[in-house]
Amino acid sequence: MDIRDRIRAVIAEKDDLSVRSVSLAAGMSDSALHKFLTGATESLKLVNVDKIADVLGVDPAWLAYGEGDRDRATDLAKVWERIAERPRTSDAH
C-alpha cells in the first residue's frame, strides 16, 4: 500500500469526503489531489501531505510512509509518547 492507496482508503471510509473536497480543504486546487491519485502528477510536496493528513485526520508519517499509527496524536500525552526519550531530556537546567 502506497500513499495513493492510503489516501483513497481514508476518503472511501468517510461519506462526507471526496477527492475534490480534500484537495480544496488542504488549500490545493480542486484537481491537484485527483491528478496525484491518477498518476498525472508524480509527487506531492511534504507541506501538502501534512495538510491532506490534517484534513483526513491521520498522522502525516503514516500517510506519507505507512509508518507509525494511523491516528493523529491529538493530545499532548500522545505526542509526548511519540517523541524519542533522548530528545525529550535536556542537560540544561
N, C-alpha and C. Protein backbone atom coordinates (compact mmCIF):
# COMPACT_ATOMS: atom_id res chain seq x y z
N MET A 1 0.85 -1.18 0.00
CA MET A 1 0.00 0.00 0.00
C MET A 1 0.90 1.24 0.00
N ASP A 2 0.67 2.14 -0.95
CA ASP A 2 1.45 3.37 -1.01
C ASP A 2 0.58 4.56 -0.59
N ILE A 3 1.15 5.75 -0.66
CA ILE A 3 0.43 6.94 -0.22
C ILE A 3 -0.88 7.13 -0.98
N ARG A 4 -0.87 6.83 -2.25
CA ARG A 4 -2.10 6.97 -3.03
C ARG A 4 -3.19 6.03 -2.50
N ASP A 5 -2.81 4.80 -2.21
CA ASP A 5 -3.76 3.83 -1.66
C ASP A 5 -4.29 4.27 -0.30
N ARG A 6 -3.40 4.81 0.54
CA ARG A 6 -3.82 5.24 1.87
C ARG A 6 -4.79 6.42 1.77
N ILE A 7 -4.51 7.36 0.90
CA ILE A 7 -5.42 8.50 0.72
C ILE A 7 -6.78 8.01 0.24
N ARG A 8 -6.77 7.18 -0.80
CA ARG A 8 -8.04 6.66 -1.34
C ARG A 8 -8.83 5.90 -0.28
N ALA A 9 -8.14 5.08 0.54
CA ALA A 9 -8.81 4.28 1.56
C ALA A 9 -9.50 5.15 2.60
N VAL A 10 -8.81 6.18 3.07
CA VAL A 10 -9.41 7.05 4.09
C VAL A 10 -10.59 7.82 3.51
N ILE A 11 -10.45 8.32 2.31
CA ILE A 11 -11.56 9.05 1.68
C ILE A 11 -12.76 8.11 1.50
N ALA A 12 -12.52 6.88 1.09
CA ALA A 12 -13.61 5.92 0.87
C ALA A 12 -14.35 5.58 2.16
N GLU A 13 -13.66 5.65 3.28
CA GLU A 13 -14.27 5.33 4.58
C GLU A 13 -15.19 6.42 5.08
N LYS A 14 -15.03 7.63 4.59
CA LYS A 14 -15.77 8.77 5.13
C LYS A 14 -16.74 9.30 4.09
N ASP A 15 -18.03 9.21 4.41
CA ASP A 15 -19.07 9.62 3.48
C ASP A 15 -19.04 11.10 3.14
N ASP A 16 -18.50 11.92 4.04
CA ASP A 16 -18.52 13.36 3.81
C ASP A 16 -17.30 13.88 3.06
N LEU A 17 -16.41 12.99 2.62
CA LEU A 17 -15.21 13.40 1.91
C LEU A 17 -15.21 12.93 0.46
N SER A 18 -14.62 13.75 -0.37
CA SER A 18 -14.35 13.38 -1.76
C SER A 18 -12.93 13.84 -2.06
N VAL A 19 -12.38 13.37 -3.14
CA VAL A 19 -11.04 13.78 -3.53
C VAL A 19 -11.02 15.30 -3.69
N ARG A 20 -12.02 15.83 -4.33
CA ARG A 20 -12.09 17.28 -4.55
C ARG A 20 -12.20 18.03 -3.23
N SER A 21 -13.06 17.59 -2.32
CA SER A 21 -13.23 18.32 -1.06
C SER A 21 -11.96 18.27 -0.22
N VAL A 22 -11.25 17.16 -0.24
CA VAL A 22 -9.99 17.06 0.49
C VAL A 22 -8.96 18.00 -0.11
N SER A 23 -8.87 18.02 -1.42
CA SER A 23 -7.93 18.89 -2.11
C SER A 23 -8.19 20.35 -1.75
N LEU A 24 -9.43 20.77 -1.81
CA LEU A 24 -9.78 22.16 -1.50
C LEU A 24 -9.54 22.48 -0.03
N ALA A 25 -9.93 21.58 0.86
CA ALA A 25 -9.73 21.81 2.29
C ALA A 25 -8.25 21.88 2.66
N ALA A 26 -7.42 21.23 1.87
CA ALA A 26 -5.97 21.27 2.10
C ALA A 26 -5.32 22.50 1.47
N GLY A 27 -6.12 23.34 0.82
CA GLY A 27 -5.60 24.55 0.22
C GLY A 27 -4.97 24.34 -1.15
N MET A 28 -5.31 23.23 -1.76
CA MET A 28 -4.78 22.91 -3.09
C MET A 28 -5.87 23.22 -4.12
N SER A 29 -5.51 23.19 -5.39
CA SER A 29 -6.53 23.39 -6.42
C SER A 29 -7.50 22.22 -6.38
N ASP A 30 -8.67 22.42 -6.97
CA ASP A 30 -9.70 21.37 -6.90
C ASP A 30 -9.29 20.08 -7.59
N SER A 31 -8.33 20.14 -8.51
CA SER A 31 -7.94 18.94 -9.23
C SER A 31 -6.56 18.40 -8.85
N ALA A 32 -5.84 19.10 -7.97
CA ALA A 32 -4.45 18.72 -7.65
C ALA A 32 -4.36 17.31 -7.06
N LEU A 33 -5.20 16.99 -6.10
CA LEU A 33 -5.15 15.67 -5.49
C LEU A 33 -5.58 14.60 -6.49
N HIS A 34 -6.58 14.90 -7.29
CA HIS A 34 -7.02 13.96 -8.32
C HIS A 34 -5.88 13.63 -9.29
N LYS A 35 -5.15 14.65 -9.69
CA LYS A 35 -4.01 14.43 -10.61
C LYS A 35 -2.95 13.55 -9.96
N PHE A 36 -2.70 13.74 -8.67
CA PHE A 36 -1.72 12.90 -7.97
C PHE A 36 -2.23 11.46 -7.88
N LEU A 37 -3.49 11.30 -7.51
CA LEU A 37 -4.04 9.94 -7.33
C LEU A 37 -4.11 9.16 -8.63
N THR A 38 -4.26 9.85 -9.75
CA THR A 38 -4.34 9.17 -11.04
C THR A 38 -2.98 9.01 -11.71
N GLY A 39 -1.95 9.59 -11.09
CA GLY A 39 -0.61 9.47 -11.65
C GLY A 39 -0.23 10.56 -12.63
N ALA A 40 -1.13 11.49 -12.88
CA ALA A 40 -0.82 12.59 -13.79
C ALA A 40 0.25 13.51 -13.18
N THR A 41 0.27 13.57 -11.86
CA THR A 41 1.32 14.27 -11.11
C THR A 41 2.06 13.20 -10.32
N GLU A 42 3.38 13.24 -10.39
CA GLU A 42 4.17 12.17 -9.79
C GLU A 42 4.31 12.26 -8.28
N SER A 43 4.34 13.48 -7.73
CA SER A 43 4.60 13.60 -6.29
C SER A 43 3.84 14.77 -5.70
N LEU A 44 3.82 14.79 -4.37
CA LEU A 44 3.23 15.89 -3.61
C LEU A 44 4.32 16.53 -2.77
N LYS A 45 4.22 17.82 -2.54
CA LYS A 45 5.11 18.48 -1.60
C LYS A 45 4.77 18.01 -0.20
N LEU A 46 5.78 17.90 0.66
CA LEU A 46 5.53 17.46 2.03
C LEU A 46 4.55 18.36 2.76
N VAL A 47 4.60 19.65 2.48
CA VAL A 47 3.65 20.55 3.13
C VAL A 47 2.22 20.18 2.75
N ASN A 48 2.00 19.73 1.52
CA ASN A 48 0.67 19.31 1.10
C ASN A 48 0.28 17.97 1.71
N VAL A 49 1.25 17.09 1.86
CA VAL A 49 0.97 15.81 2.53
C VAL A 49 0.50 16.09 3.95
N ASP A 50 1.15 17.02 4.64
CA ASP A 50 0.77 17.36 6.01
C ASP A 50 -0.64 17.95 6.04
N LYS A 51 -0.95 18.81 5.09
CA LYS A 51 -2.28 19.41 5.04
C LYS A 51 -3.35 18.36 4.73
N ILE A 52 -3.05 17.46 3.83
CA ILE A 52 -4.00 16.39 3.50
C ILE A 52 -4.21 15.49 4.71
N ALA A 53 -3.13 15.16 5.41
CA ALA A 53 -3.24 14.34 6.62
C ALA A 53 -4.13 15.02 7.64
N ASP A 54 -3.98 16.34 7.78
CA ASP A 54 -4.81 17.08 8.72
C ASP A 54 -6.28 17.00 8.33
N VAL A 55 -6.57 17.19 7.06
CA VAL A 55 -7.96 17.10 6.59
C VAL A 55 -8.52 15.69 6.82
N LEU A 56 -7.70 14.68 6.56
CA LEU A 56 -8.16 13.30 6.73
C LEU A 56 -8.16 12.84 8.18
N GLY A 57 -7.50 13.59 9.05
CA GLY A 57 -7.44 13.23 10.47
C GLY A 57 -6.50 12.07 10.74
N VAL A 58 -5.43 11.97 9.95
CA VAL A 58 -4.47 10.88 10.12
C VAL A 58 -3.08 11.46 10.37
N ASP A 59 -2.20 10.63 10.84
CA ASP A 59 -0.83 11.04 11.09
C ASP A 59 -0.09 11.24 9.77
N PRO A 60 0.62 12.35 9.61
CA PRO A 60 1.33 12.59 8.35
C PRO A 60 2.38 11.54 8.01
N ALA A 61 3.10 11.02 9.01
CA ALA A 61 4.11 9.99 8.75
C ALA A 61 3.45 8.71 8.26
N TRP A 62 2.30 8.38 8.82
CA TRP A 62 1.59 7.19 8.36
C TRP A 62 1.12 7.41 6.92
N LEU A 63 0.58 8.59 6.65
CA LEU A 63 0.08 8.86 5.31
C LEU A 63 1.20 8.81 4.28
N ALA A 64 2.30 9.46 4.58
CA ALA A 64 3.40 9.55 3.62
C ALA A 64 4.16 8.25 3.45
N TYR A 65 4.42 7.57 4.58
CA TYR A 65 5.34 6.42 4.53
C TYR A 65 4.74 5.11 5.02
N GLY A 66 3.53 5.15 5.56
CA GLY A 66 2.92 3.94 6.10
C GLY A 66 3.53 3.53 7.43
N GLU A 67 4.21 4.44 8.09
CA GLU A 67 4.88 4.15 9.35
C GLU A 67 4.10 4.70 10.53
N GLY A 68 4.20 4.01 11.66
CA GLY A 68 3.58 4.50 12.88
C GLY A 68 2.09 4.25 12.91
N ASP A 69 1.44 4.98 13.79
CA ASP A 69 -0.01 4.85 13.96
C ASP A 69 -0.74 5.67 12.92
N ARG A 70 -1.85 5.14 12.48
CA ARG A 70 -2.68 5.88 11.53
C ARG A 70 -3.29 7.11 12.19
N ASP A 71 -3.73 6.95 13.41
CA ASP A 71 -4.41 8.05 14.09
C ASP A 71 -3.44 9.16 14.46
N ARG A 72 -3.85 10.35 14.22
CA ARG A 72 -3.05 11.52 14.57
C ARG A 72 -3.13 11.73 16.07
N ALA A 73 -2.00 11.96 16.68
CA ALA A 73 -1.98 12.24 18.12
C ALA A 73 -2.69 13.57 18.34
N THR A 74 -3.69 13.56 19.20
CA THR A 74 -4.48 14.77 19.40
C THR A 74 -4.28 15.40 20.76
N ASP A 75 -3.66 14.70 21.68
CA ASP A 75 -3.40 15.34 22.96
C ASP A 75 -1.91 15.30 23.27
N LEU A 76 -1.51 16.15 24.16
CA LEU A 76 -0.10 16.31 24.47
C LEU A 76 0.54 15.01 24.94
N ALA A 77 -0.18 14.22 25.73
CA ALA A 77 0.38 12.96 26.22
C ALA A 77 0.72 12.02 25.08
N LYS A 78 -0.14 11.95 24.07
CA LYS A 78 0.13 11.08 22.92
C LYS A 78 1.30 11.59 22.12
N VAL A 79 1.38 12.90 21.94
CA VAL A 79 2.51 13.48 21.22
C VAL A 79 3.80 13.20 21.98
N TRP A 80 3.77 13.40 23.29
CA TRP A 80 4.95 13.18 24.13
C TRP A 80 5.44 11.73 24.02
N GLU A 81 4.51 10.77 23.97
CA GLU A 81 4.87 9.36 23.85
C GLU A 81 5.58 9.07 22.53
N ARG A 82 5.29 9.83 21.50
CA ARG A 82 5.88 9.59 20.19
C ARG A 82 7.29 10.16 20.07
N ILE A 83 7.63 11.08 20.97
CA ILE A 83 8.96 11.68 20.92
C ILE A 83 9.94 10.72 21.58
N ALA A 84 11.03 10.47 20.93
CA ALA A 84 12.05 9.57 21.49
C ALA A 84 12.56 10.11 22.82
N GLU A 85 12.93 9.23 23.73
CA GLU A 85 13.38 9.61 25.06
C GLU A 85 14.54 10.60 25.03
N ARG A 86 15.51 10.36 24.20
CA ARG A 86 16.69 11.22 24.18
C ARG A 86 16.37 12.67 23.85
N PRO A 87 15.58 12.96 22.81
CA PRO A 87 15.28 14.36 22.55
C PRO A 87 14.42 15.02 23.64
N ARG A 88 13.67 14.22 24.40
CA ARG A 88 12.84 14.80 25.45
C ARG A 88 13.65 15.34 26.60
N THR A 89 14.77 14.71 26.90
CA THR A 89 15.57 15.12 28.06
C THR A 89 16.54 16.21 27.66
N SER A 90 16.84 17.04 28.61
CA SER A 90 17.75 18.14 28.35
C SER A 90 18.80 18.18 29.46
N ASP A 91 20.04 18.43 29.09
CA ASP A 91 21.11 18.56 30.07
C ASP A 91 21.10 19.93 30.72
N ALA A 92 20.50 20.89 30.05
CA ALA A 92 20.45 22.26 30.59
C ALA A 92 19.29 22.40 31.55
N HIS A 93 19.57 22.93 32.69
CA HIS A 93 18.51 23.15 33.68
C HIS A 93 18.38 24.60 34.01
